[in-house]
């Protein structure tokens, strides 16, 4: 058991031996989730002449694989505002702290024409309970219902998944929530003519060609998580782990801890 002190100097006790991993592992099988019209990831041993970097092949003392994947398309990933800006910004430079107070909420997307949407009203209602806890919410984890395990292996391409409305993303930003996590391939509509309204609203990006001074450089969006049914709605400590990629996004491993 350890004590975490958050940015408001409030103390929380967590048990590091009881992690709740909400990431989806990356594999080179057809069970890997896919989005954005990509093929499955490639994980293959290096070959040089008749040498193969695979111990079971009998010609190498080590397993030595090349991996080809797209962080946005192939599983749990965390992105910064560099995902939508003309100028380059790196998730490795934007995300400098890794423990946050967090709220898990479950939301049933509403039907709007041919779409399923997550609204401001739904987010606002689900977060109402935080006031009684006396805890500032730094991160929000949105679990969509129904919470089918098909999310662990779904090909989302051309399926028009649910998404956040612009008002919902604006509300999350105005609630001073810095980190948005969701179990969908994007917070925006799959085919939206490049508007990216929820991304822009959350990061407060007003012009992708000339970044405004009040854009939220330190804030992140994490997509394609999976929150098991055994994880109850409520308050947690989030450990948001990324690989040190100098890129707009990185594969990531968000881990929750119950507050004791």
C-alpha atoms as a PDB file:
ATOM      1  CA  UNK A   1       0.000   0.000   0.000  1.00  0.00           C
ATOM      2  CA  UNK A   2       1.279   3.489  -0.840  1.00  0.00           C
ATOM      3  CA  UNK A   3      -0.006   7.043  -0.538  1.00  0.00           C
ATOM      4  CA  UNK A   4      -0.398   9.179  -3.657  1.00  0.00           C
ATOM      5  CA  UNK A   5      -0.436  12.972  -3.357  1.00  0.00           C
ATOM      6  CA  UNK A   6      -2.200  14.603  -6.285  1.00  0.00           C
ATOM      7  CA  UNK A   7      -1.778  18.069  -7.777  1.00  0.00           C
ATOM      8  CA  UNK A   8      -4.074  19.597  -5.140  1.00  0.00           C
ATOM      9  CA  UNK A   9      -1.977  18.030  -2.343  1.00  0.00           C
ATOM     10  CA  UNK A  10      -4.774  15.627  -1.448  1.00  0.00           C
ATOM     11  CA  UNK A  11      -3.657  12.180  -0.270  1.00  0.00           C
ATOM     12  CA  UNK A  12      -5.028   8.879  -1.585  1.00  0.00           C
ATOM     13  CA  UNK A  13      -4.055   5.371  -0.549  1.00  0.00           C
ATOM     14  CA  UNK A  14      -3.777   2.664  -3.201  1.00  0.00           C
ATOM     15  CA  UNK A  15      -2.571  -0.935  -3.274  1.00  0.00           C
ATOM     16  CA  UNK A  16       0.008  -1.402  -6.047  1.00  0.00           C
ATOM     17  CA  UNK A  17      -0.473  -5.169  -5.893  1.00  0.00           C
ATOM     18  CA  UNK A  18      -4.063  -4.778  -7.214  1.00  0.00           C
ATOM     19  CA  UNK A  19      -3.754  -3.131 -10.665  1.00  0.00           C
ATOM     20  CA  UNK A  20      -6.751  -2.928 -13.005  1.00  0.00           C
ATOM     21  CA  UNK A  21      -5.322  -2.907 -16.520  1.00  0.00           C
ATOM     22  CA  UNK A  22      -7.707  -1.336 -19.055  1.00  0.00           C
ATOM     23  CA  UNK A  23      -5.431  -1.617 -22.088  1.00  0.00           C
ATOM     24  CA  UNK A  24      -5.860  -4.015 -25.004  1.00  0.00           C
ATOM     25  CA  UNK A  25      -2.679  -5.947 -25.868  1.00  0.00           C
ATOM     26  CA  UNK A  26      -1.268  -5.684 -29.384  1.00  0.00           C
ATOM     27  CA  UNK A  27      -0.908  -8.983 -31.274  1.00  0.00           C
ATOM     28  CA  UNK A  28      -0.298 -10.093 -34.840  1.00  0.00           C
ATOM     29  CA  UNK A  29      -3.432 -12.238 -34.946  1.00  0.00           C
ATOM     30  CA  UNK A  30      -6.896 -11.681 -36.331  1.00  0.00           C
ATOM     31  CA  UNK A  31      -8.014 -11.163 -32.723  1.00  0.00           C
ATOM     32  CA  UNK A  32      -6.287  -7.766 -32.626  1.00  0.00           C
ATOM     33  CA  UNK A  33      -8.750  -4.843 -32.801  1.00  0.00           C
ATOM     34  CA  UNK A  34      -8.414  -2.735 -35.943  1.00  0.00           C
ATOM     35  CA  UNK A  35      -9.625   0.680 -37.050  1.00  0.00           C
ATOM     36  CA  UNK A  36      -9.089   3.128 -39.907  1.00  0.00           C
ATOM     37  CA  UNK A  37      -8.978   0.547 -42.713  1.00  0.00           C
ATOM     38  CA  UNK A  38      -5.634  -0.953 -41.744  1.00  0.00           C
ATOM     39  CA  UNK A  39      -4.515  -4.572 -41.763  1.00  0.00           C
ATOM     40  CA  UNK A  40      -3.496  -6.411 -38.605  1.00  0.00           C
ATOM     41  CA  UNK A  41      -0.089  -5.586 -37.031  1.00  0.00           C
ATOM     42  CA  UNK A  42       3.012  -7.470 -38.175  1.00  0.00           C
ATOM     43  CA  UNK A  43       5.327  -9.073 -35.613  1.00  0.00           C
ATOM     44  CA  UNK A  44       7.952 -11.088 -37.449  1.00  0.00           C
ATOM     45  CA  UNK A  45      11.475 -12.322 -36.691  1.00  0.00           C
ATOM     46  CA  UNK A  46      14.343 -10.528 -38.414  1.00  0.00           C
ATOM     47  CA  UNK A  47      15.843 -12.538 -41.239  1.00  0.00           C
ATOM     48  CA  UNK A  48      19.352 -11.975 -42.649  1.00  0.00           C
ATOM     49  CA  UNK A  49      20.344 -14.524 -45.234  1.00  0.00           C
ATOM     50  CA  UNK A  50      19.713 -17.946 -43.713  1.00  0.00           C
ATOM     51  CA  UNK A  51      19.677 -16.503 -40.165  1.00  0.00           C
ATOM     52  CA  UNK A  52      16.244 -16.114 -38.506  1.00  0.00           C
ATOM     53  CA  UNK A  53      15.854 -14.256 -35.211  1.00  0.00           C
ATOM     54  CA  UNK A  54      13.734 -16.942 -33.592  1.00  0.00           C
ATOM     55  CA  UNK A  55      15.053 -19.424 -31.052  1.00  0.00           C
ATOM     56  CA  UNK A  56      12.607 -22.135 -32.085  1.00  0.00           C
ATOM     57  CA  UNK A  57      14.044 -22.074 -35.620  1.00  0.00           C
ATOM     58  CA  UNK A  58      17.362 -23.304 -34.199  1.00  0.00           C
ATOM     59  CA  UNK A  59      19.564 -20.614 -35.740  1.00  0.00           C
ATOM     60  CA  UNK A  60      19.394 -17.879 -33.110  1.00  0.00           C
ATOM     61  CA  UNK A  61      20.102 -17.625 -29.393  1.00  0.00           C
ATOM     62  CA  UNK A  62      17.502 -14.873 -29.067  1.00  0.00           C
ATOM     63  CA  UNK A  63      14.057 -13.910 -30.288  1.00  0.00           C
ATOM     64  CA  UNK A  64      14.561 -10.751 -32.360  1.00  0.00           C
ATOM     65  CA  UNK A  65      11.358  -9.363 -33.888  1.00  0.00           C
ATOM     66  CA  UNK A  66      10.463  -6.402 -36.046  1.00  0.00           C
ATOM     67  CA  UNK A  67       7.057  -4.894 -35.279  1.00  0.00           C
ATOM     68  CA  UNK A  68       4.954  -2.853 -37.711  1.00  0.00           C
ATOM     69  CA  UNK A  69       1.799  -1.239 -36.361  1.00  0.00           C
ATOM     70  CA  UNK A  70      -0.183   1.984 -36.284  1.00  0.00           C
ATOM     71  CA  UNK A  71      -0.884   3.318 -32.768  1.00  0.00           C
ATOM     72  CA  UNK A  72      -4.198   4.877 -33.814  1.00  0.00           C
ATOM     73  CA  UNK A  73      -5.456   1.766 -35.583  1.00  0.00           C
ATOM     74  CA  UNK A  74      -4.201  -1.196 -33.599  1.00  0.00           C
ATOM     75  CA  UNK A  75      -5.231  -0.926 -29.974  1.00  0.00           C
ATOM     76  CA  UNK A  76      -5.030   1.211 -26.868  1.00  0.00           C
ATOM     77  CA  UNK A  77      -3.192   4.446 -27.576  1.00  0.00           C
ATOM     78  CA  UNK A  78      -2.756   7.895 -26.072  1.00  0.00           C
ATOM     79  CA  UNK A  79      -2.551  10.995 -28.232  1.00  0.00           C
ATOM     80  CA  UNK A  80      -1.781  14.685 -27.765  1.00  0.00           C
ATOM     81  CA  UNK A  81      -3.052  17.688 -29.705  1.00  0.00           C
ATOM     82  CA  UNK A  82      -0.270  17.069 -32.239  1.00  0.00           C
ATOM     83  CA  UNK A  83      -2.673  14.527 -33.705  1.00  0.00           C
ATOM     84  CA  UNK A  84      -4.663  17.332 -35.351  1.00  0.00           C
ATOM     85  CA  UNK A  85      -2.240  20.277 -35.734  1.00  0.00           C
ATOM     86  CA  UNK A  86      -0.109  21.374 -38.673  1.00  0.00           C
ATOM     87  CA  UNK A  87       2.940  21.804 -36.437  1.00  0.00           C
ATOM     88  CA  UNK A  88       4.495  18.765 -34.777  1.00  0.00           C
ATOM     89  CA  UNK A  89       3.814  18.078 -31.097  1.00  0.00           C
ATOM     90  CA  UNK A  90       4.878  14.869 -29.395  1.00  0.00           C
ATOM     91  CA  UNK A  91       2.964  12.866 -26.812  1.00  0.00           C
ATOM     92  CA  UNK A  92       6.323  12.178 -25.167  1.00  0.00           C
ATOM     93  CA  UNK A  93       6.823  15.909 -24.602  1.00  0.00           C
ATOM     94  CA  UNK A  94       3.213  16.803 -23.732  1.00  0.00           C
ATOM     95  CA  UNK A  95       2.582  14.098 -21.113  1.00  0.00           C
ATOM     96  CA  UNK A  96       4.971  14.642 -18.213  1.00  0.00           C
ATOM     97  CA  UNK A  97       2.942  13.385 -15.222  1.00  0.00           C
ATOM     98  CA  UNK A  98       1.464   9.919 -15.037  1.00  0.00           C
ATOM     99  CA  UNK A  99      -0.790   9.542 -11.963  1.00  0.00           C
ATOM    100  CA  UNK A 100      -4.218  11.169 -11.880  1.00  0.00           C
ATOM    101  CA  UNK A 101      -7.475  11.079  -9.963  1.00  0.00           C
ATOM    102  CA  UNK A 102     -10.001   9.468 -12.283  1.00  0.00           C
ATOM    103  CA  UNK A 103     -13.673   8.688 -12.613  1.00  0.00           C
ATOM    104  CA  UNK A 104     -15.031   5.639 -14.456  1.00  0.00           C
ATOM    105  CA  UNK A 105     -18.493   6.180 -15.905  1.00  0.00           C
ATOM    106  CA  UNK A 106     -20.740   3.932 -18.003  1.00  0.00           C
ATOM    107  CA  UNK A 107     -22.853   5.454 -20.764  1.00  0.00           C
ATOM    108  CA  UNK A 108     -25.427   4.002 -23.166  1.00  0.00           C
ATOM    109  CA  UNK A 109     -25.022   5.994 -26.415  1.00  0.00           C
ATOM    110  CA  UNK A 110     -28.192   7.606 -27.725  1.00  0.00           C
ATOM    111  CA  UNK A 111     -29.605   7.175 -31.226  1.00  0.00           C
ATOM    112  CA  UNK A 112     -29.401  10.211 -33.510  1.00  0.00           C
ATOM    113  CA  UNK A 113     -30.453   9.330 -37.043  1.00  0.00           C
ATOM    114  CA  UNK A 114     -27.966   6.714 -38.244  1.00  0.00           C
ATOM    115  CA  UNK A 115     -25.520   7.534 -35.433  1.00  0.00           C
ATOM    116  CA  UNK A 116     -24.994   6.637 -31.801  1.00  0.00           C
ATOM    117  CA  UNK A 117     -23.832   9.618 -29.756  1.00  0.00           C
ATOM    118  CA  UNK A 118     -22.611  10.370 -26.245  1.00  0.00           C
ATOM    119  CA  UNK A 119     -24.090  13.663 -25.083  1.00  0.00           C
ATOM    120  CA  UNK A 120     -23.169  16.414 -22.658  1.00  0.00           C
ATOM    121  CA  UNK A 121     -26.223  15.554 -20.557  1.00  0.00           C
ATOM    122  CA  UNK A 122     -25.098  11.936 -20.175  1.00  0.00           C
ATOM    123  CA  UNK A 123     -21.568  12.924 -19.114  1.00  0.00           C
ATOM    124  CA  UNK A 124     -22.851  15.616 -16.763  1.00  0.00           C
ATOM    125  CA  UNK A 125     -25.305  13.243 -15.097  1.00  0.00           C
ATOM    126  CA  UNK A 126     -22.729  10.482 -14.700  1.00  0.00           C
ATOM    127  CA  UNK A 127     -20.203  12.846 -13.112  1.00  0.00           C
ATOM    128  CA  UNK A 128     -22.629  14.362 -10.601  1.00  0.00           C
ATOM    129  CA  UNK A 129     -21.502  11.896  -7.918  1.00  0.00           C
ATOM    130  CA  UNK A 130     -17.974  13.313  -7.825  1.00  0.00           C
ATOM    131  CA  UNK A 131     -19.090  16.420  -5.913  1.00  0.00           C
ATOM    132  CA  UNK A 132     -19.955  14.367  -2.850  1.00  0.00           C
ATOM    133  CA  UNK A 133     -16.545  12.688  -2.878  1.00  0.00           C
ATOM    134  CA  UNK A 134     -14.636  15.946  -2.538  1.00  0.00           C
ATOM    135  CA  UNK A 135     -12.294  14.810  -5.310  1.00  0.00           C
ATOM    136  CA  UNK A 136     -11.193  16.849  -8.294  1.00  0.00           C
ATOM    137  CA  UNK A 137     -11.489  14.658 -11.379  1.00  0.00           C
ATOM    138  CA  UNK A 138      -8.367  14.873 -13.518  1.00  0.00           C
ATOM    139  CA  UNK A 139      -9.234  12.000 -15.851  1.00  0.00           C
ATOM    140  CA  UNK A 140     -12.451  10.452 -17.100  1.00  0.00           C
ATOM    141  CA  UNK A 141     -12.816   6.888 -18.393  1.00  0.00           C
ATOM    142  CA  UNK A 142     -15.937   6.356 -20.497  1.00  0.00           C
ATOM    143  CA  UNK A 143     -17.223   2.784 -20.797  1.00  0.00           C
ATOM    144  CA  UNK A 144     -19.919   2.460 -23.467  1.00  0.00           C
ATOM    145  CA  UNK A 145     -22.845   0.084 -23.058  1.00  0.00           C
ATOM    146  CA  UNK A 146     -23.413  -2.656 -23.929  1.00  0.00           C
ATOM    147  CA  UNK A 147     -19.900  -3.603 -22.830  1.00  0.00           C
ATOM    148  CA  UNK A 148     -19.430  -6.559 -25.164  1.00  0.00           C
ATOM    149  CA  UNK A 149     -16.042  -8.325 -25.176  1.00  0.00           C
ATOM    150  CA  UNK A 150     -16.099  -8.025 -28.971  1.00  0.00           C
ATOM    151  CA  UNK A 151     -14.388  -4.675 -28.312  1.00  0.00           C
ATOM    152  CA  UNK A 152     -11.209  -6.672 -27.660  1.00  0.00           C
ATOM    153  CA  UNK A 153     -11.059  -7.911 -31.254  1.00  0.00           C
ATOM    154  CA  UNK A 154     -13.468  -5.785 -33.305  1.00  0.00           C
ATOM    155  CA  UNK A 155     -12.680  -4.417 -36.758  1.00  0.00           C
ATOM    156  CA  UNK A 156     -14.196  -0.943 -36.504  1.00  0.00           C
ATOM    157  CA  UNK A 157     -13.507   0.121 -40.082  1.00  0.00           C
ATOM    158  CA  UNK A 158     -16.653   1.369 -41.835  1.00  0.00           C
ATOM    159  CA  UNK A 159     -18.919   0.523 -38.877  1.00  0.00           C
ATOM    160  CA  UNK A 160     -19.753   4.123 -37.793  1.00  0.00           C
ATOM    161  CA  UNK A 161     -19.003   3.567 -34.061  1.00  0.00           C
ATOM    162  CA  UNK A 162     -20.520   5.801 -31.355  1.00  0.00           C
ATOM    163  CA  UNK A 163     -18.805   9.132 -30.710  1.00  0.00           C
ATOM    164  CA  UNK A 164     -18.868  12.205 -28.469  1.00  0.00           C
ATOM    165  CA  UNK A 165     -20.821  15.282 -29.419  1.00  0.00           C
ATOM    166  CA  UNK A 166     -18.937  18.558 -29.552  1.00  0.00           C
ATOM    167  CA  UNK A 167     -20.937  19.784 -26.542  1.00  0.00           C
ATOM    168  CA  UNK A 168     -19.926  16.712 -24.537  1.00  0.00           C
ATOM    169  CA  UNK A 169     -16.238  17.275 -25.284  1.00  0.00           C
ATOM    170  CA  UNK A 170     -16.580  20.963 -24.441  1.00  0.00           C
ATOM    171  CA  UNK A 171     -18.210  20.088 -21.122  1.00  0.00           C
ATOM    172  CA  UNK A 172     -15.347  17.720 -20.283  1.00  0.00           C
ATOM    173  CA  UNK A 173     -12.839  20.491 -21.064  1.00  0.00           C
ATOM    174  CA  UNK A 174     -14.768  23.071 -19.041  1.00  0.00           C
ATOM    175  CA  UNK A 175     -14.853  20.622 -16.123  1.00  0.00           C
ATOM    176  CA  UNK A 176     -11.031  20.929 -16.053  1.00  0.00           C
ATOM    177  CA  UNK A 177     -10.639  17.232 -16.890  1.00  0.00           C
ATOM    178  CA  UNK A 178      -7.207  16.820 -18.441  1.00  0.00           C
ATOM    179  CA  UNK A 179      -7.294  13.234 -19.675  1.00  0.00           C
ATOM    180  CA  UNK A 180     -10.127  11.613 -21.605  1.00  0.00           C
ATOM    181  CA  UNK A 181     -10.186   7.825 -22.036  1.00  0.00           C
ATOM    182  CA  UNK A 182     -12.800   5.947 -24.044  1.00  0.00           C
ATOM    183  CA  UNK A 183     -13.391   2.395 -25.309  1.00  0.00           C
ATOM    184  CA  UNK A 184     -13.979   3.498 -28.912  1.00  0.00           C
ATOM    185  CA  UNK A 185     -11.547   4.039 -31.809  1.00  0.00           C
ATOM    186  CA  UNK A 186     -12.211   7.784 -31.798  1.00  0.00           C
ATOM    187  CA  UNK A 187     -14.023  10.483 -29.858  1.00  0.00           C
ATOM    188  CA  UNK A 188     -15.255  11.755 -33.237  1.00  0.00           C
ATOM    189  CA  UNK A 189     -17.497  10.351 -35.949  1.00  0.00           C
ATOM    190  CA  UNK A 190     -15.716   7.920 -38.289  1.00  0.00           C
ATOM    191  CA  UNK A 191     -16.682   9.884 -41.420  1.00  0.00           C
ATOM    192  CA  UNK A 192     -16.955  13.535 -40.382  1.00  0.00           C
ATOM    193  CA  UNK A 193     -15.388  15.385 -43.354  1.00  0.00           C
ATOM    194  CA  UNK A 194     -12.291  16.086 -41.261  1.00  0.00           C
ATOM    195  CA  UNK A 195     -14.129  18.329 -38.802  1.00  0.00           C
ATOM    196  CA  UNK A 196     -12.835  16.526 -35.668  1.00  0.00           C
ATOM    197  CA  UNK A 197     -15.175  18.597 -33.514  1.00  0.00           C
ATOM    198  CA  UNK A 198     -14.722  16.621 -30.281  1.00  0.00           C
ATOM    199  CA  UNK A 199     -10.922  16.494 -30.579  1.00  0.00           C
ATOM    200  CA  UNK A 200     -10.779  20.245 -31.167  1.00  0.00           C
ATOM    201  CA  UNK A 201     -13.238  21.019 -28.376  1.00  0.00           C
ATOM    202  CA  UNK A 202     -11.395  18.903 -25.800  1.00  0.00           C
ATOM    203  CA  UNK A 203      -7.962  20.325 -26.635  1.00  0.00           C
ATOM    204  CA  UNK A 204      -9.387  23.828 -27.213  1.00  0.00           C
ATOM    205  CA  UNK A 205      -7.733  23.963 -30.620  1.00  0.00           C
ATOM    206  CA  UNK A 206      -9.336  26.782 -32.573  1.00  0.00           C
ATOM    207  CA  UNK A 207      -7.111  26.725 -35.649  1.00  0.00           C
ATOM    208  CA  UNK A 208      -5.043  23.655 -36.580  1.00  0.00           C
ATOM    209  CA  UNK A 209      -2.737  25.852 -38.712  1.00  0.00           C
ATOM    210  CA  UNK A 210      -1.939  28.390 -35.985  1.00  0.00           C
ATOM    211  CA  UNK A 211      -2.134  27.037 -32.447  1.00  0.00           C
ATOM    212  CA  UNK A 212      -3.866  29.356 -29.997  1.00  0.00           C
ATOM    213  CA  UNK A 213      -2.101  30.222 -26.728  1.00  0.00           C
ATOM    214  CA  UNK A 214      -4.813  28.618 -24.581  1.00  0.00           C
ATOM    215  CA  UNK A 215      -4.767  25.253 -26.372  1.00  0.00           C
ATOM    216  CA  UNK A 216      -4.447  22.411 -23.846  1.00  0.00           C
ATOM    217  CA  UNK A 217      -0.943  21.178 -24.570  1.00  0.00           C
ATOM    218  CA  UNK A 218      -0.702  18.855 -21.541  1.00  0.00           C
ATOM    219  CA  UNK A 219      -4.043  17.111 -22.043  1.00  0.00           C
ATOM    220  CA  UNK A 220      -4.486  13.712 -23.685  1.00  0.00           C
ATOM    221  CA  UNK A 221      -7.057  11.500 -25.339  1.00  0.00           C
ATOM    222  CA  UNK A 222      -6.749   7.723 -24.950  1.00  0.00           C
ATOM    223  CA  UNK A 223      -8.836   5.554 -27.254  1.00  0.00           C
ATOM    224  CA  UNK A 224      -9.624   1.826 -27.550  1.00  0.00           C
ATOM    225  CA  UNK A 225      -9.417   0.942 -23.875  1.00  0.00           C
ATOM    226  CA  UNK A 226     -11.456  -1.925 -22.448  1.00  0.00           C
ATOM    227  CA  UNK A 227     -13.035  -1.565 -19.008  1.00  0.00           C
ATOM    228  CA  UNK A 228     -14.140  -4.984 -17.785  1.00  0.00           C
ATOM    229  CA  UNK A 229     -17.531  -5.343 -16.115  1.00  0.00           C
ATOM    230  CA  UNK A 230     -15.740  -6.268 -12.891  1.00  0.00           C
ATOM    231  CA  UNK A 231     -14.529  -2.655 -12.655  1.00  0.00           C
ATOM    232  CA  UNK A 232     -17.303  -0.632 -11.066  1.00  0.00           C
ATOM    233  CA  UNK A 233     -18.171   2.949 -11.906  1.00  0.00           C
ATOM    234  CA  UNK A 234     -16.528   5.269  -9.421  1.00  0.00           C
ATOM    235  CA  UNK A 235     -13.317   6.949  -8.365  1.00  0.00           C
ATOM    236  CA  UNK A 236      -9.827   5.573  -8.966  1.00  0.00           C
ATOM    237  CA  UNK A 237      -6.219   6.561  -9.343  1.00  0.00           C
ATOM    238  CA  UNK A 238      -5.102   6.290 -12.963  1.00  0.00           C
ATOM    239  CA  UNK A 239      -1.530   5.465 -13.957  1.00  0.00           C
ATOM    240  CA  UNK A 240      -1.275   6.470 -17.624  1.00  0.00           C
ATOM    241  CA  UNK A 241       1.745   4.690 -19.112  1.00  0.00           C
ATOM    242  CA  UNK A 242       3.080   5.396 -22.610  1.00  0.00           C
ATOM    243  CA  UNK A 243       6.104   4.317 -24.621  1.00  0.00           C
ATOM    244  CA  UNK A 244       8.602   7.126 -25.249  1.00  0.00           C
ATOM    245  CA  UNK A 245       7.679   7.755 -28.874  1.00  0.00           C
ATOM    246  CA  UNK A 246       8.379  11.191 -30.359  1.00  0.00           C
ATOM    247  CA  UNK A 247       5.088  11.015 -32.212  1.00  0.00           C
ATOM    248  CA  UNK A 248       1.610  12.477 -31.896  1.00  0.00           C
ATOM    249  CA  UNK A 249       0.487   9.193 -30.294  1.00  0.00           C
ATOM    250  CA  UNK A 250       1.920   6.192 -28.501  1.00  0.00           C
ATOM    251  CA  UNK A 251       0.618   2.755 -27.639  1.00  0.00           C
ATOM    252  CA  UNK A 252      -0.318   2.990 -23.986  1.00  0.00           C
ATOM    253  CA  UNK A 253      -1.170   1.020 -20.869  1.00  0.00           C
ATOM    254  CA  UNK A 254      -3.640   2.826 -18.616  1.00  0.00           C
ATOM    255  CA  UNK A 255      -3.910   1.124 -15.234  1.00  0.00           C
ATOM    256  CA  UNK A 256      -6.481   1.888 -12.525  1.00  0.00           C
ATOM    257  CA  UNK A 257      -6.101   1.469  -8.764  1.00  0.00           C
ATOM    258  CA  UNK A 258      -8.944   1.446  -6.280  1.00  0.00           C
ATOM    259  CA  UNK A 259      -8.808   4.212  -3.702  1.00  0.00           C
ATOM    260  CA  UNK A 260      -8.681   2.648  -0.249  1.00  0.00           C
END
